[in-house]
Every structure is written in structure tokens, then in C-alpha cells.
Amino acid sequence: MVRVPGNPDDIVVQELRAAGLRVTMPRQAVLTWLARHPHSTADAIAAALGAAATAVAVADLDAAVTILATLKSEDAGQAALMIAYPTTGEQDAVVALPGLGTIGGVTERPEGGHEAWFGYTDNTAPPLVLRYDAVADATTTWARSPGQVDVPEISARQVAYPSKDGTTIRMLIISGGGPQRPRPTILYGYGGFDISMQPGYAATILAWVERGGVYAIASLRGGGEEGEEWHRAGMRASKQNVFDDFHAAAEKLIADGWTTREQLAISGGSNGGLLVGAAITQRPDLYAAAACSAPLLDMIRYERFGLGETWNDEYGTAADPEEFGWLLSYSPYHHVREGVSYPAVLFTIFDGDTRVDPMHARKMCAALQHATSAPYPDRPILLRRESDVGHGARAVSRSASLSADTLAFLGFRTGLSR
């Protein structure tokens, strides 16, 4: 490792990233571990894990380093703890996990030893703290979330499919069983700002699946699931890749028998609301219903409102003629066409939202109500407004009410059993 006096932690992080690894723990913790193992190299670790690794966290397990990596192989594609020798990066073992989930927060004893603790959650399990014993090569539950939850019998599986340009995209499908028959399905996505769609416990998903539905989460380009290049492949001039990935996910669900166009709903918020807006204007024939929350929809004027001006590195700026063309090519508000039969849409906005101005959804709702040829009330275009609520955190009661209204809308429009 090259060290620069006075700023060693920044150099450590830069070298780990240069080796293709996204650091998921505090810089000082990485520096501390490397100080104990001066012959370790990020290149050695990356070489051992190859294209399988997109993130790294470390914990001192005697002579080993614990690598927190996201595997991308066809048969796995899930988070995993991998044990590798610090001087060579050679893989020694893979720690068994309860399922297809997310791990983080690898912690050890201050004096070192053979134990490590880490958090774990998936779509069926509330957050746990697991303990790994390197001597016994065993993982046990150390602590559970408070309270008890009756989780329905459901399963989660990951599938891969090609996008429009042939890029392999991954999607998590949560259901009560295999695709014996088409069922009402919600397809969710985000695809932006290097944010990963990691498996995690969500009561909203369980409620939908318990009623007989299917919930799918697509890991689109623009996110952070597969490293910085994955992020860059879905931003600025390449933003259309995100929407193509999403359309291909919908077609995969239909082709595999999970759902039909008449039973397929889509959902997303914030940047994911932009995704939903682009989906319904580009492929209105593909979706029966949509939930679009706190969305960006007028991409020509987005910089003038809320925090929009801080996002032009992700999207581009309308002040530049070339970048203006990028934005106009997909801006949902500017692609509403009169006489098109649009899906049923529920926009949800929050008057206290200082991040994404509610004007986006208000304008889009009015434009769609005017333009759609779908008969009312078969495919309504509705706006749900909340006062005294912002873009993010809210009271549990408010969250429950929003989720109930959203699921009821999508369930009614896709034929979910009541």
C-alpha cells in the first residue's frame, strides 16, 4: 500500500476503489486493519475475488481478513461473507448465511480473536445480529429484533435477464411459490445515485405477497449493485439504459408466467418516481397501474425547484445544449401524448417536501388526466396529497396510511384478491 503522510485514510479508500472494491465500513477501521497487516494489498484481495466483489469490509480474525462482497455469479448473486488470507487475498471459505439477504456492520473484539459479528436481514427476516466463529466455521444468531412477527410462508429468488442492449440485469422475486399461474405483481425499481436495491425486511412487501401477489425488485443500472461503472451506465447521457432495464424486467415477469400486462403494476419514489413516469410514457401498453411517489417528472425545469440544482451531475443540466437533449429525450412530462390509453396512476405528494417539489406530480397528473383515452373510472389518474410531511422520515401512522392507500389502489387495479 502506498501511504501519504497526513492523509493515509483517503489513500487507502482510493486504492481499494481502484482495485474494484466499494468500501462499506469507516475509513479508520480499514486503516487500523491494514496497520496490523502491513503486507495486505487491495489488489491481492480484488484479484482473488475477481469480478465477484463490489464491496469490502474487514474484521481481524487472527490471520484472516473478512471480506464483505456482493457475488454476481448466476447461481448466487447474493451478499456473502468470504474469508481470505490477508497477504495474498486467496479465498479460504464462504460463511453460510440464512438466505438471500443483506449483511453489514462486521465487528470484532477490540483485541482481535476468532469471532466476528454482523447484521443480516432479508425479505422474510427482520434484522438479526449473527455471530461467526472462525474456529468452528459456524454462524449462529446472536440477537433478534424486539417483538415477534408472524411471517407468511414466502420465498425469494433471484433471476437474470437481458436488457435491450444485452446487458445482464438481476431481479429479486418474492412470492408464495413458483409461477403456477399469473398473479397481480408489483415491479419496483430505483436506478440512480449509486443506491443499491438490497434485500431487506419490509412489511409492505409481505402484506402484498400474503394476499397472493408477487413483488419484484429490479437491480437497474444507475444503482450501486455492481460498482461505479454500473452507476455510470445509468446516468447522464446513459439514463435511458435504466428505463430499458425496467421494461425488460416487466417483459421477463410476463414471459416467465409470473403475471400478465393486465395484472402488472409498477412502483417507485423520488428518482424511482422518475423511473415510473418514464415507464408509463414510454410503454403505456405494458403496465396496468402505477404508484408514483414524490417524483421528478419535468426534467427540463427540475433544477429550478427544491434541491434539483444539486443533481445535475447525475442527470445533466438544461443550461447545456447537449445535456438539454439528454433530458428532453426522456422527460416524462414532455412525453405525455393526447389520445393514449395510459395505465391507472396514483401520484403521492407531500406539501413539506423541500427535496422534490410537488409541482412535478401536480403538472404530470393534470397532463395525464387531460391526455388519456382510457375510460374513467377504469384507469383513473389520481393525486394523493399530504400536508405537514416531507420527502423522507414520517410518523409510523403516516407511513402505514400511505402504504395502505398505495397497496389498495394497485391491488384493485390488478385484481388482487380482497
Protein backbone atom coordinates (compact mmCIF):
# COMPACT_ATOMS: atom_id res chain seq x y z
CA MET A 1 0.00 0.00 0.00
CA VAL A 2 1.21 3.49 -0.81
CA ARG A 3 0.81 5.80 2.18
CA VAL A 4 0.71 9.60 2.06
CA PRO A 5 1.65 11.27 5.37
CA GLY A 6 -1.17 13.28 6.87
CA ASN A 7 -3.91 11.73 4.80
CA PRO A 8 -3.48 7.94 4.85
CA ASP A 9 -7.13 7.02 5.17
CA ASP A 10 -8.11 8.77 1.94
CA ILE A 11 -5.34 6.95 0.05
CA VAL A 12 -6.45 3.60 1.48
CA VAL A 13 -10.01 4.17 0.32
CA GLN A 14 -8.85 5.33 -3.10
CA GLU A 15 -6.72 2.23 -3.60
CA LEU A 16 -9.49 -0.10 -2.53
CA ARG A 17 -11.80 1.58 -5.02
CA ALA A 18 -9.16 1.47 -7.72
CA ALA A 19 -8.98 -2.28 -7.19
CA GLY A 20 -12.71 -2.50 -7.93
CA LEU A 21 -13.97 -2.65 -4.34
CA ARG A 22 -16.56 -0.34 -2.79
CA VAL A 23 -15.70 0.34 0.86
CA THR A 24 -18.63 -0.26 3.20
CA MET A 25 -17.09 0.48 6.57
CA PRO A 26 -15.43 3.51 8.23
CA ARG A 27 -12.12 4.55 6.73
CA GLN A 28 -10.38 4.43 10.07
CA ALA A 29 -11.39 0.80 10.54
CA VAL A 30 -9.81 -0.09 7.18
CA LEU A 31 -6.66 1.80 8.13
CA THR A 32 -6.46 0.09 11.53
CA TRP A 33 -6.69 -3.36 9.98
CA LEU A 34 -4.07 -2.57 7.38
CA ALA A 35 -1.73 -1.30 10.10
CA ARG A 36 -1.98 -4.73 11.75
CA HIS A 37 -1.39 -6.48 8.42
CA PRO A 38 1.12 -4.30 6.55
CA HIS A 39 1.63 -6.81 3.75
CA SER A 40 -2.03 -6.84 2.74
CA THR A 41 -2.97 -5.29 -0.56
CA ALA A 42 -6.29 -4.28 -2.02
CA ASP A 43 -5.08 -5.64 -5.37
CA ALA A 44 -4.50 -9.09 -3.85
CA ILE A 45 -7.96 -9.13 -2.32
CA ALA A 46 -9.59 -7.93 -5.53
CA ALA A 47 -7.65 -10.42 -7.65
CA ALA A 48 -8.83 -13.31 -5.50
CA LEU A 49 -12.45 -12.30 -5.62
CA GLY A 50 -12.26 -11.09 -9.22
CA ALA A 51 -15.43 -9.71 -10.74
CA ALA A 52 -17.43 -11.19 -7.88
CA ALA A 53 -16.63 -8.39 -5.44
CA THR A 54 -18.12 -4.92 -5.38
CA ALA A 55 -17.70 -4.08 -1.71
CA VAL A 56 -15.25 -4.72 1.08
CA ALA A 57 -15.35 -4.63 4.86
CA VAL A 58 -12.72 -6.00 7.21
CA ALA A 59 -12.51 -7.61 10.62
CA ASP A 60 -9.41 -9.12 12.20
CA LEU A 61 -9.90 -12.87 12.61
CA ASP A 62 -6.42 -13.86 13.74
CA ALA A 63 -4.54 -14.27 10.44
CA ALA A 64 -7.52 -13.72 8.16
CA VAL A 65 -9.46 -10.80 6.82
CA THR A 66 -13.22 -10.97 6.44
CA ILE A 67 -14.34 -9.68 3.07
CA LEU A 68 -17.90 -8.44 2.67
CA ALA A 69 -18.66 -8.89 -1.02
CA THR A 70 -21.62 -8.98 -3.34
CA LEU A 71 -21.41 -12.09 -5.51
CA LYS A 72 -22.57 -11.80 -9.09
CA SER A 73 -22.47 -15.43 -10.20
CA GLU A 74 -25.54 -16.90 -11.87
CA ASP A 75 -26.30 -19.31 -9.04
CA ALA A 76 -25.71 -16.90 -6.19
CA GLY A 77 -25.85 -13.18 -6.83
CA GLN A 78 -26.32 -12.51 -3.13
CA ALA A 79 -24.40 -10.97 -0.29
CA ALA A 80 -21.81 -13.24 1.26
CA LEU A 81 -19.02 -13.17 3.81
CA MET A 82 -15.81 -14.53 2.36
CA ILE A 83 -12.67 -15.35 4.35
CA ALA A 84 -9.43 -14.52 2.54
CA TYR A 85 -5.76 -14.57 3.53
CA PRO A 86 -4.54 -11.01 4.07
CA THR A 87 -1.22 -11.24 2.24
CA THR A 88 -2.48 -12.91 -0.93
CA GLY A 89 -6.24 -12.42 -0.90
CA GLU A 90 -6.63 -16.14 -1.58
CA GLN A 91 -10.16 -17.26 -0.74
CA ASP A 92 -10.32 -19.68 2.17
CA ALA A 93 -14.03 -20.05 2.99
CA VAL A 94 -17.50 -18.65 2.46
CA VAL A 95 -19.57 -18.05 5.59
CA ALA A 96 -23.02 -19.65 5.44
CA LEU A 97 -25.93 -17.21 5.60
CA PRO A 98 -29.63 -17.83 6.33
CA GLY A 99 -30.81 -16.87 2.86
CA LEU A 100 -30.80 -14.33 0.03
CA GLY A 101 -30.17 -11.21 2.08
CA THR A 102 -28.06 -8.23 3.05
CA ILE A 103 -25.17 -8.11 5.50
CA GLY A 104 -23.20 -5.27 7.04
CA GLY A 105 -21.52 -3.87 10.11
CA VAL A 106 -18.80 -6.51 10.52
CA THR A 107 -17.44 -6.13 14.09
CA GLU A 108 -14.75 -7.90 16.09
CA ARG A 109 -13.42 -7.83 19.65
CA PRO A 110 -11.01 -4.90 20.22
CA GLU A 111 -8.19 -7.31 20.98
CA GLY A 112 -8.91 -9.48 17.92
CA GLY A 113 -9.76 -13.16 18.02
CA HIS A 114 -11.70 -15.79 16.13
CA GLU A 115 -15.17 -14.22 16.31
CA ALA A 116 -16.98 -11.63 14.22
CA TRP A 117 -20.48 -10.19 14.46
CA PHE A 118 -22.50 -8.76 11.60
CA GLY A 119 -26.02 -7.61 10.81
CA TYR A 120 -28.28 -9.59 8.49
CA THR A 121 -31.73 -9.10 7.00
CA ASP A 122 -33.71 -10.37 4.04
CA ASN A 123 -37.23 -10.04 2.69
CA THR A 124 -38.63 -12.58 5.13
CA ALA A 125 -36.48 -11.98 8.23
CA PRO A 126 -36.47 -8.91 10.47
CA PRO A 127 -32.92 -7.67 11.16
CA LEU A 128 -30.65 -10.07 13.07
CA VAL A 129 -27.18 -9.93 14.53
CA LEU A 130 -25.24 -13.06 13.58
CA ARG A 131 -22.02 -14.35 15.14
CA TYR A 132 -19.37 -16.14 13.09
CA ASP A 133 -16.90 -18.44 14.85
CA ALA A 134 -13.81 -18.92 12.63
CA VAL A 135 -12.55 -21.86 14.70
CA ALA A 136 -15.79 -23.82 14.42
CA ASP A 137 -16.61 -22.33 11.00
CA ALA A 138 -20.18 -21.81 12.24
CA THR A 139 -22.70 -18.97 12.17
CA THR A 140 -25.31 -18.57 14.91
CA THR A 141 -27.96 -15.98 15.79
CA TRP A 142 -26.63 -13.56 18.42
CA ALA A 143 -29.61 -11.18 18.73
CA ARG A 144 -33.04 -10.68 17.16
CA SER A 145 -35.16 -7.60 16.59
CA PRO A 146 -37.51 -6.85 19.51
CA GLY A 147 -41.05 -8.18 19.28
CA GLN A 148 -42.42 -11.07 17.25
CA VAL A 149 -43.65 -11.09 13.68
CA ASP A 150 -45.74 -13.80 12.07
CA VAL A 151 -44.13 -14.02 8.66
CA PRO A 152 -46.14 -15.79 5.94
CA GLU A 153 -44.68 -18.71 4.02
CA ILE A 154 -42.91 -16.97 1.16
CA SER A 155 -39.74 -17.42 -0.85
CA ALA A 156 -37.28 -15.09 -2.55
CA ARG A 157 -35.34 -15.99 -5.65
CA GLN A 158 -33.04 -14.09 -7.96
CA VAL A 159 -33.31 -14.26 -11.75
CA ALA A 160 -31.19 -12.78 -14.51
CA TYR A 161 -32.43 -11.38 -17.81
CA PRO A 162 -31.02 -9.42 -20.76
CA SER A 163 -31.81 -5.74 -21.19
CA LYS A 164 -32.36 -4.11 -24.57
CA ASP A 165 -28.61 -3.84 -25.26
CA GLY A 166 -27.87 -7.36 -23.99
CA THR A 167 -26.57 -6.34 -20.54
CA THR A 168 -27.45 -8.89 -17.85
CA ILE A 169 -29.74 -7.44 -15.18
CA ARG A 170 -30.75 -9.15 -11.94
CA MET A 171 -34.13 -9.13 -10.28
CA LEU A 172 -35.36 -10.41 -6.94
CA ILE A 173 -38.79 -12.06 -6.98
CA ILE A 174 -40.69 -12.53 -3.71
CA SER A 175 -43.73 -14.79 -3.80
CA GLY A 176 -45.67 -17.51 -2.04
CA GLY A 177 -44.42 -20.11 -4.53
CA GLY A 178 -43.45 -20.62 -8.15
CA PRO A 179 -45.26 -19.19 -11.19
CA GLN A 180 -48.01 -21.82 -11.33
CA ARG A 181 -50.37 -19.11 -12.57
CA PRO A 182 -50.09 -15.40 -13.40
CA ARG A 183 -50.72 -13.22 -10.37
CA PRO A 184 -51.03 -9.50 -9.55
CA THR A 185 -47.46 -8.24 -9.40
CA ILE A 186 -45.69 -5.07 -8.29
CA LEU A 187 -42.40 -4.29 -10.02
CA TYR A 188 -40.23 -1.86 -8.06
CA GLY A 189 -37.07 -0.06 -9.11
CA TYR A 190 -34.86 2.96 -8.47
CA GLY A 191 -31.81 3.03 -10.75
CA GLY A 192 -29.84 6.08 -9.71
CA PHE A 193 -27.35 7.87 -7.45
CA ASP A 194 -25.28 4.72 -6.83
CA ILE A 195 -28.01 3.41 -4.49
CA SER A 196 -28.29 -0.38 -4.27
CA MET A 197 -31.57 -2.27 -4.02
CA GLN A 198 -30.51 -4.69 -1.30
CA PRO A 199 -32.83 -7.32 0.19
CA GLY A 200 -34.41 -6.15 3.43
CA TYR A 201 -37.40 -6.80 5.64
CA ALA A 202 -40.46 -4.80 4.56
CA ALA A 203 -43.96 -5.25 5.96
CA THR A 204 -45.43 -3.71 2.80
CA ILE A 205 -43.94 -6.44 0.63
CA LEU A 206 -45.11 -9.18 2.99
CA ALA A 207 -48.65 -7.78 3.06
CA TRP A 208 -48.85 -7.88 -0.74
CA VAL A 209 -47.41 -11.37 -1.04
CA GLU A 210 -49.56 -12.74 1.80
CA ARG A 211 -52.62 -11.70 -0.23
CA GLY A 212 -51.41 -13.79 -3.14
CA GLY A 213 -49.39 -11.25 -5.08
CA VAL A 214 -45.82 -11.21 -6.37
CA TYR A 215 -43.31 -8.46 -5.57
CA ALA A 216 -40.28 -7.97 -7.81
CA ILE A 217 -37.30 -5.66 -7.28
CA ALA A 218 -35.06 -4.97 -10.28
CA SER A 219 -31.39 -4.03 -9.78
CA LEU A 220 -31.19 -1.48 -12.57
CA ARG A 221 -28.19 0.33 -13.96
CA GLY A 222 -27.65 3.65 -12.27
CA GLY A 223 -27.63 1.94 -8.86
CA GLY A 224 -24.64 0.70 -6.93
CA GLU A 225 -25.27 -3.04 -7.02
CA GLU A 226 -22.33 -3.83 -9.27
CA GLY A 227 -19.90 -0.97 -8.72
CA GLU A 228 -19.28 2.53 -10.03
CA GLU A 229 -19.32 1.54 -13.71
CA TRP A 230 -22.81 0.15 -13.15
CA HIS A 231 -23.81 3.51 -11.70
CA ARG A 232 -22.31 5.46 -14.60
CA ALA A 233 -24.05 3.22 -17.12
CA GLY A 234 -27.37 4.64 -15.89
CA MET A 235 -26.68 8.35 -15.51
CA ARG A 236 -26.40 11.46 -17.69
CA ALA A 237 -26.36 10.52 -21.39
CA SER A 238 -26.95 6.87 -20.48
CA LYS A 239 -30.11 7.39 -18.42
CA GLN A 240 -32.27 5.59 -20.97
CA ASN A 241 -30.49 2.35 -20.01
CA VAL A 242 -32.32 2.47 -16.66
CA PHE A 243 -35.72 2.61 -18.33
CA ASP A 244 -34.79 -0.11 -20.81
CA ASP A 245 -33.71 -2.34 -17.91
CA PHE A 246 -37.08 -1.75 -16.23
CA HIS A 247 -39.14 -2.51 -19.34
CA ALA A 248 -37.12 -5.70 -19.82
CA ALA A 249 -37.83 -6.71 -16.21
CA ALA A 250 -41.56 -6.36 -16.85
CA GLU A 251 -41.32 -8.43 -20.02
CA LYS A 252 -39.33 -11.10 -18.14
CA LEU A 253 -42.03 -11.39 -15.47
CA ILE A 254 -44.69 -11.80 -18.14
CA ALA A 255 -42.67 -14.24 -20.26
CA ASP A 256 -41.92 -16.46 -17.25
CA GLY A 257 -45.59 -16.69 -16.31
CA TRP A 258 -45.48 -14.65 -13.11
CA THR A 259 -48.01 -12.10 -14.30
CA THR A 260 -49.79 -10.54 -17.28
CA ARG A 261 -49.93 -6.98 -18.56
CA GLU A 262 -53.39 -6.63 -17.02
CA GLN A 263 -52.00 -7.69 -13.63
CA LEU A 264 -48.71 -5.79 -13.61
CA ALA A 265 -48.24 -2.65 -11.51
CA ILE A 266 -45.09 -0.59 -11.06
CA SER A 267 -43.91 1.48 -8.12
CA GLY A 268 -41.14 3.94 -7.31
CA GLY A 269 -40.40 7.14 -5.45
CA SER A 270 -38.14 10.19 -5.88
CA ASN A 271 -35.66 9.15 -8.59
CA GLY A 272 -37.74 5.97 -8.73
CA GLY A 273 -40.74 8.21 -9.44
CA LEU A 274 -38.90 9.49 -12.50
CA LEU A 275 -38.45 5.84 -13.47
CA VAL A 276 -42.19 5.20 -13.14
CA GLY A 277 -43.02 8.35 -15.10
CA ALA A 278 -40.71 7.33 -17.92
CA ALA A 279 -42.13 3.80 -17.90
CA ILE A 280 -45.75 4.84 -18.32
CA THR A 281 -44.98 7.39 -21.05
CA GLN A 282 -42.61 5.12 -22.99
CA ARG A 283 -44.53 1.84 -22.61
CA PRO A 284 -48.11 2.62 -21.52
CA ASP A 285 -49.23 -0.69 -23.03
CA LEU A 286 -47.02 -2.72 -20.70
CA TYR A 287 -48.45 -1.71 -17.31
CA ALA A 288 -51.91 -1.80 -15.76
CA ALA A 289 -51.26 0.56 -12.86
CA ALA A 290 -48.54 2.70 -11.31
CA ALA A 291 -47.73 4.28 -7.95
CA CYS A 292 -45.51 7.33 -8.39
CA SER A 293 -44.31 8.94 -5.16
CA ALA A 294 -42.55 12.32 -4.74
CA PRO A 295 -41.34 12.09 -8.35
CA LEU A 296 -39.12 14.11 -10.66
CA LEU A 297 -41.08 14.43 -13.90
CA ASP A 298 -40.28 17.75 -15.58
CA MET A 299 -36.62 17.18 -16.34
CA ILE A 300 -36.22 20.45 -18.25
CA ARG A 301 -37.07 22.60 -15.23
CA TYR A 302 -36.09 20.28 -12.36
CA GLU A 303 -33.04 22.38 -11.45
CA ARG A 304 -35.25 25.37 -10.63
CA PHE A 305 -37.07 23.71 -7.74
CA GLY A 306 -36.22 22.02 -4.45
CA LEU A 307 -32.72 20.58 -4.40
CA GLY A 308 -32.74 19.97 -8.14
CA GLU A 309 -29.67 22.07 -8.90
CA THR A 310 -27.56 19.70 -6.80
CA TRP A 311 -28.45 16.72 -9.03
CA ASN A 312 -27.24 17.95 -12.40
CA ASP A 313 -24.11 15.82 -12.14
CA GLU A 314 -26.40 12.75 -12.09
CA TYR A 315 -28.84 13.87 -14.79
CA GLY A 316 -27.24 16.73 -16.71
CA THR A 317 -28.23 20.39 -16.94
CA ALA A 318 -30.73 22.05 -19.24
CA ALA A 319 -28.31 25.01 -19.46
CA ASP A 320 -26.03 22.96 -21.73
CA PRO A 321 -27.46 22.35 -25.24
CA GLU A 322 -26.18 18.76 -25.46
CA GLU A 323 -27.36 17.83 -21.98
CA PHE A 324 -30.69 19.55 -22.65
CA GLY A 325 -31.13 16.98 -25.40
CA TRP A 326 -30.46 14.13 -22.98
CA LEU A 327 -33.12 15.41 -20.58
CA LEU A 328 -35.74 16.16 -23.21
CA SER A 329 -35.35 12.71 -24.74
CA TYR A 330 -37.00 11.06 -21.72
CA SER A 331 -38.56 13.83 -19.56
CA PRO A 332 -41.93 12.20 -18.68
CA TYR A 333 -43.92 15.45 -18.59
CA HIS A 334 -42.82 16.32 -22.11
CA HIS A 335 -43.74 12.90 -23.48
CA VAL A 336 -47.41 12.81 -22.48
CA ARG A 337 -49.40 12.34 -25.69
CA GLU A 338 -53.08 13.06 -26.17
CA GLY A 339 -55.26 10.07 -27.04
CA VAL A 340 -53.02 7.41 -25.47
CA SER A 341 -54.60 4.86 -23.10
CA TYR A 342 -52.41 5.32 -20.04
CA PRO A 343 -52.34 3.00 -17.02
CA ALA A 344 -54.13 3.88 -13.81
CA VAL A 345 -51.78 6.13 -11.84
CA LEU A 346 -51.67 7.22 -8.20
CA PHE A 347 -49.34 10.15 -7.55
CA THR A 348 -48.45 10.71 -3.89
CA ILE A 349 -47.00 14.07 -2.85
CA PHE A 350 -46.05 15.80 0.38
CA ASP A 351 -46.52 19.53 0.89
CA GLY A 352 -43.46 19.79 3.14
CA ASP A 353 -41.16 18.18 0.57
CA THR A 354 -38.19 20.53 0.12
CA ARG A 355 -36.20 17.97 -1.87
CA VAL A 356 -38.51 17.21 -4.81
CA ASP A 357 -41.11 19.91 -5.40
CA PRO A 358 -44.71 18.58 -5.51
CA MET A 359 -45.24 20.63 -8.67
CA HIS A 360 -43.76 17.74 -10.69
CA ALA A 361 -46.59 15.36 -9.80
CA ARG A 362 -49.29 18.07 -9.94
CA LYS A 363 -48.34 19.02 -13.51
CA MET A 364 -48.00 15.42 -14.62
CA CYS A 365 -51.32 14.41 -13.06
CA ALA A 366 -53.12 17.24 -14.86
CA ALA A 367 -51.42 16.43 -18.17
CA LEU A 368 -52.32 12.74 -17.96
CA GLN A 369 -55.92 13.44 -16.91
CA HIS A 370 -56.30 15.64 -19.99
CA ALA A 371 -54.49 13.34 -22.41
CA THR A 372 -55.53 9.78 -21.53
CA SER A 373 -58.09 7.98 -23.65
CA ALA A 374 -58.66 5.30 -21.00
CA PRO A 375 -62.24 5.48 -19.71
CA TYR A 376 -62.81 6.79 -16.19
CA PRO A 377 -63.09 5.17 -13.68
CA ASP A 378 -61.43 2.10 -15.22
CA ARG A 379 -57.99 3.72 -15.29
CA PRO A 380 -58.10 6.85 -13.13
CA ILE A 381 -55.26 9.34 -12.73
CA LEU A 382 -55.28 10.41 -9.08
CA LEU A 383 -53.26 12.64 -6.78
CA ARG A 384 -52.87 11.88 -3.05
CA ARG A 385 -51.68 14.89 -1.07
CA GLU A 386 -50.38 15.04 2.49
CA SER A 387 -49.71 18.21 4.46
CA ASP A 388 -47.02 18.69 7.13
CA VAL A 389 -44.93 15.82 5.73
CA GLY A 390 -41.60 15.95 3.91
CA HIS A 391 -39.69 13.78 1.48
CA GLY A 392 -38.29 11.32 3.99
CA ALA A 393 -38.96 10.39 7.61
CA ARG A 394 -42.53 10.43 8.91
CA ALA A 395 -44.63 9.07 11.75
CA VAL A 396 -45.32 5.33 11.63
CA SER A 397 -49.06 6.07 11.43
CA ARG A 398 -48.49 8.22 8.34
CA SER A 399 -46.35 5.52 6.73
CA ALA A 400 -48.98 2.86 7.40
CA SER A 401 -51.71 5.04 5.91
CA LEU A 402 -49.66 5.79 2.78
CA SER A 403 -48.78 2.12 2.29
CA ALA A 404 -52.40 1.03 2.79
CA ASP A 405 -53.70 3.53 0.23
CA THR A 406 -50.99 2.63 -2.29
CA LEU A 407 -51.45 -1.13 -1.97
CA ALA A 408 -55.26 -0.79 -2.10
CA PHE A 409 -55.02 1.24 -5.31
CA LEU A 410 -52.61 -1.17 -7.01
CA GLY A 411 -54.43 -4.23 -5.70
CA PHE A 412 -57.81 -3.08 -7.00
CA ARG A 413 -56.38 -2.22 -10.42
CA THR A 414 -54.54 -5.55 -10.82
CA GLY A 415 -57.23 -7.85 -9.37
CA LEU A 416 -55.53 -8.82 -6.12
CA SER A 417 -57.90 -10.93 -4.01
CA ARG A 418 -59.72 -8.96 -1.33
